[in-house]
N, C-alpha and C. Protein backbone atom coordinates (compact mmCIF):
# COMPACT_ATOMS: atom_id res chain seq x y z
N MET A 1 31.08 24.98 61.74
CA MET A 1 29.75 25.28 61.09
C MET A 1 28.93 26.20 61.82
N TRP A 2 28.71 26.90 62.57
CA TRP A 2 27.83 27.71 63.26
C TRP A 2 28.07 29.13 62.46
N HIS A 3 29.54 29.52 61.85
CA HIS A 3 29.81 30.64 61.15
C HIS A 3 28.62 30.63 59.88
N PHE A 4 29.02 29.60 59.28
CA PHE A 4 28.31 29.90 57.86
C PHE A 4 26.67 29.84 58.46
N ILE A 5 26.69 29.05 58.86
CA ILE A 5 25.17 28.78 59.19
C ILE A 5 24.67 30.48 59.45
N ARG A 6 25.09 30.90 60.20
CA ARG A 6 24.66 32.25 60.40
C ARG A 6 24.79 33.21 59.17
N GLN A 7 25.55 33.03 58.10
CA GLN A 7 25.86 33.52 56.88
C GLN A 7 24.97 33.18 55.74
N GLY A 8 24.09 31.78 56.40
CA GLY A 8 22.82 31.35 55.35
C GLY A 8 24.00 30.25 54.45
N SER A 9 24.61 29.87 54.49
CA SER A 9 25.28 28.85 53.71
C SER A 9 25.56 27.59 54.62
N TYR A 10 24.48 26.96 53.79
CA TYR A 10 24.80 25.48 54.46
C TYR A 10 25.74 23.77 54.03
N GLN A 11 26.10 24.35 53.01
CA GLN A 11 27.21 23.52 52.25
C GLN A 11 27.86 22.78 53.03
N TRP A 12 28.56 23.60 54.21
CA TRP A 12 29.15 22.76 54.85
C TRP A 12 28.81 22.20 55.99
N THR A 13 27.53 22.50 56.51
CA THR A 13 26.79 21.85 57.40
C THR A 13 26.40 20.50 56.88
N LEU A 14 25.63 20.68 55.83
CA LEU A 14 25.29 19.19 55.02
C LEU A 14 26.41 18.07 55.09
N ARG A 15 27.41 18.56 54.46
CA ARG A 15 28.69 17.68 54.39
C ARG A 15 29.17 17.22 55.55
N ILE A 16 29.58 17.46 56.19
CA ILE A 16 30.15 17.05 57.17
C ILE A 16 29.16 16.21 58.14
N SER A 17 27.71 17.15 58.23
CA SER A 17 26.97 15.97 58.74
C SER A 17 26.44 14.70 58.26
N GLU A 18 27.11 14.39 56.84
CA GLU A 18 26.57 13.54 55.94
C GLU A 18 27.60 12.79 56.48
N ILE A 19 29.32 12.85 56.36
CA ILE A 19 29.97 12.47 56.77
C ILE A 19 29.86 11.60 58.29
N LEU A 20 29.35 12.45 59.12
CA LEU A 20 29.44 11.94 60.51
C LEU A 20 28.09 11.17 60.83
N LEU A 21 27.39 10.62 60.07
CA LEU A 21 25.95 10.09 60.15
C LEU A 21 26.70 8.42 60.38
N LYS A 22 27.80 8.02 60.68
CA LYS A 22 28.10 6.46 61.05
C LYS A 22 29.27 6.69 62.21
N ASP A 23 29.06 8.24 62.89
CA ASP A 23 30.17 8.24 63.64
C ASP A 23 29.69 7.56 65.14
N SER A 24 30.70 6.43 65.56
CA SER A 24 30.26 6.38 66.76
C SER A 24 30.07 6.67 68.49
N HIS A 25 30.68 8.18 68.27
CA HIS A 25 30.58 8.99 69.60
C HIS A 25 29.11 9.75 69.75
N ASP A 26 28.54 9.41 70.80
CA ASP A 26 27.40 9.62 71.23
C ASP A 26 27.63 11.92 71.33
N LEU A 27 28.56 12.08 71.48
CA LEU A 27 28.93 13.65 71.46
C LEU A 27 29.00 14.34 70.23
N ILE A 28 29.26 13.80 69.21
CA ILE A 28 29.16 13.97 67.65
C ILE A 28 27.86 14.12 67.43
N HIS A 29 27.29 12.62 67.52
CA HIS A 29 25.46 12.96 67.49
C HIS A 29 24.93 13.93 67.65
N LYS A 30 25.26 14.41 69.19
CA LYS A 30 24.52 15.66 69.74
C LYS A 30 25.27 16.56 68.78
N ALA A 31 26.19 17.13 68.98
CA ALA A 31 26.91 18.38 68.18
C ALA A 31 26.57 18.33 66.84
N VAL A 32 26.07 17.31 66.07
CA VAL A 32 25.86 16.84 64.56
C VAL A 32 24.14 17.95 64.74
N GLY A 33 23.61 17.23 65.68
CA GLY A 33 22.26 17.08 65.44
C GLY A 33 21.57 18.78 65.84
N TRP A 34 22.37 19.37 66.87
CA TRP A 34 22.35 20.58 66.92
C TRP A 34 22.87 21.73 66.10
N MET A 35 23.75 21.73 65.51
CA MET A 35 24.19 22.34 63.96
C MET A 35 22.83 22.18 63.40
N LEU A 36 22.28 20.91 62.54
CA LEU A 36 21.34 20.46 62.28
C LEU A 36 19.87 21.37 62.13
N ARG A 37 19.87 21.49 63.89
CA ARG A 37 18.27 22.12 63.93
C ARG A 37 18.52 23.44 64.17
N GLU A 38 19.64 24.14 64.28
CA GLU A 38 20.27 25.28 64.08
C GLU A 38 20.00 25.99 62.38
N MET A 39 20.36 24.95 61.34
CA MET A 39 20.13 25.33 60.09
C MET A 39 18.93 25.21 59.67
N GLY A 40 17.93 24.17 60.34
CA GLY A 40 16.85 24.79 60.03
C GLY A 40 15.63 25.65 61.06
N LYS A 41 16.31 26.28 61.69
CA LYS A 41 15.93 27.62 62.28
C LYS A 41 15.97 28.28 61.15
N LYS A 42 16.81 28.39 60.22
CA LYS A 42 17.33 29.08 59.19
C LYS A 42 16.79 28.93 58.13
N ASP A 43 16.68 28.13 57.36
CA ASP A 43 15.90 27.48 56.22
C ASP A 43 15.23 25.60 56.49
N LEU A 44 13.80 25.80 56.76
CA LEU A 44 13.53 24.69 57.33
C LEU A 44 13.27 23.30 55.83
N LYS A 45 13.32 24.50 54.97
CA LYS A 45 13.21 23.29 53.52
C LYS A 45 14.33 22.49 53.71
N VAL A 46 15.74 22.88 53.58
CA VAL A 46 16.68 22.49 53.62
C VAL A 46 16.62 21.34 54.70
N LEU A 47 16.76 21.89 56.25
CA LEU A 47 16.56 20.34 56.94
C LEU A 47 15.75 19.30 56.41
N LYS A 48 14.64 19.70 56.15
CA LYS A 48 13.42 18.24 55.90
C LYS A 48 14.05 17.86 54.71
N ASP A 49 14.15 18.06 53.71
CA ASP A 49 15.65 17.82 52.39
C ASP A 49 16.53 16.95 52.80
N PHE A 50 17.59 17.60 53.87
CA PHE A 50 18.10 15.96 54.42
C PHE A 50 17.63 15.05 55.06
N LEU A 51 16.32 15.47 55.99
CA LEU A 51 15.85 14.71 56.92
C LEU A 51 15.02 13.12 56.06
N ASP A 52 14.57 13.72 55.10
CA ASP A 52 13.69 12.75 54.17
C ASP A 52 14.60 12.09 53.61
N GLN A 53 16.00 12.14 53.27
CA GLN A 53 16.77 11.18 52.74
C GLN A 53 17.49 10.54 54.05
N ARG A 54 17.35 10.88 54.93
CA ARG A 54 18.93 10.51 55.94
C ARG A 54 18.30 10.16 57.23
N ALA A 55 17.23 10.74 57.60
CA ALA A 55 16.41 10.06 58.74
C ALA A 55 16.50 8.80 59.26
N ALA A 56 15.86 7.68 58.28
CA ALA A 56 16.35 6.17 58.54
C ALA A 56 17.27 5.84 58.87
N PHE A 57 18.36 6.52 58.93
CA PHE A 57 19.71 6.12 59.06
C PHE A 57 20.04 6.85 60.07
N MET A 58 20.09 7.94 60.47
CA MET A 58 20.64 8.80 61.53
C MET A 58 20.70 8.09 62.65
N PRO A 59 21.67 8.48 63.14
CA PRO A 59 21.74 7.82 64.98
C PRO A 59 20.87 8.74 66.00
N ARG A 60 20.30 8.13 66.85
CA ARG A 60 18.76 8.66 67.48
C ARG A 60 18.76 9.65 67.84
N THR A 61 20.19 9.83 68.42
CA THR A 61 20.20 11.36 69.31
C THR A 61 20.48 12.69 68.56
N MET A 62 21.08 12.01 67.61
CA MET A 62 21.14 13.47 66.17
C MET A 62 20.10 13.52 65.84
N LEU A 63 19.37 12.80 65.57
CA LEU A 63 18.28 12.62 64.91
C LEU A 63 16.98 13.75 65.83
N ARG A 64 16.89 13.60 67.14
CA ARG A 64 16.11 13.95 68.21
C ARG A 64 16.50 15.31 68.17
N TYR A 65 17.81 15.93 68.25
CA TYR A 65 18.14 16.95 68.36
C TYR A 65 17.80 17.76 66.95
N ALA A 66 17.92 17.42 66.19
CA ALA A 66 18.17 17.63 64.86
C ALA A 66 15.94 18.34 64.50
N LEU A 67 15.27 17.28 65.52
CA LEU A 67 14.25 17.70 65.22
C LEU A 67 13.56 18.42 66.40
N GLU A 68 14.03 18.58 67.26
CA GLU A 68 13.48 19.86 68.63
C GLU A 68 12.40 20.88 68.21
N LYS A 69 12.87 21.95 67.37
CA LYS A 69 12.18 22.83 67.06
C LYS A 69 10.67 22.47 65.86
N LEU A 70 11.10 21.39 65.30
CA LEU A 70 9.50 20.87 64.08
C LEU A 70 8.08 20.71 65.05
N PRO A 71 7.49 20.77 64.56
CA PRO A 71 5.89 20.89 65.33
C PRO A 71 5.98 19.45 65.73
N PRO A 72 5.11 18.82 66.57
CA PRO A 72 5.08 17.71 67.24
C PRO A 72 4.69 16.36 66.13
N ASP A 73 3.45 16.67 65.34
CA ASP A 73 3.50 15.91 64.05
C ASP A 73 4.43 15.65 63.11
N GLU A 74 4.92 16.43 62.85
CA GLU A 74 5.86 16.52 61.61
C GLU A 74 7.43 15.81 62.52
N ARG A 75 7.77 16.07 63.78
CA ARG A 75 8.94 15.70 64.34
C ARG A 75 8.20 13.97 64.38
N ASN A 76 7.11 13.42 64.93
CA ASN A 76 6.79 12.03 65.27
C ASN A 76 7.21 11.13 63.73
N VAL A 77 6.40 11.75 62.45
CA VAL A 77 6.68 11.36 61.45
C VAL A 77 8.31 10.63 61.01
N TYR A 78 8.98 11.61 61.13
CA TYR A 78 10.79 11.33 61.61
C TYR A 78 10.96 10.69 62.30
N LEU A 79 10.60 10.80 63.42
CA LEU A 79 11.27 9.92 64.32
C LEU A 79 10.55 8.08 64.37
N LYS A 80 9.52 8.05 63.38
CA LYS A 80 9.62 6.56 63.44
C LYS A 80 10.23 6.23 62.58
N GLN A 81 10.11 6.93 61.45
CA GLN A 81 11.65 6.10 60.07
C GLN A 81 13.09 6.05 60.72
N GLY A 82 13.10 6.91 62.13
CA GLY A 82 14.42 6.76 62.61
C GLY A 82 14.85 5.24 63.04
N LYS A 83 16.37 5.39 62.95
CA LYS A 83 16.62 4.05 63.74
C LYS A 83 16.24 3.67 65.34
N VAL A 84 15.68 2.50 65.77
CA VAL A 84 15.38 2.07 66.93
C VAL A 84 16.46 1.90 67.96
């Protein structure tokens, strides 16, 4: 996914992230969150659109990694939506 993100193409990142939302392994959550974060560095709107629809269902680790670069006030809004 990193190759596509660097090229400005987010389709695969979004598709794979959607598929892996229900994965049970914590390392997968970290990896997906990291890719979402990197995508957000390039296009914040795409990340926010993804989070707006899925933050409430995302594993906590994935969500935290994806939010790392957002301002604290925006991060807290998504964290409050997320799974406990």
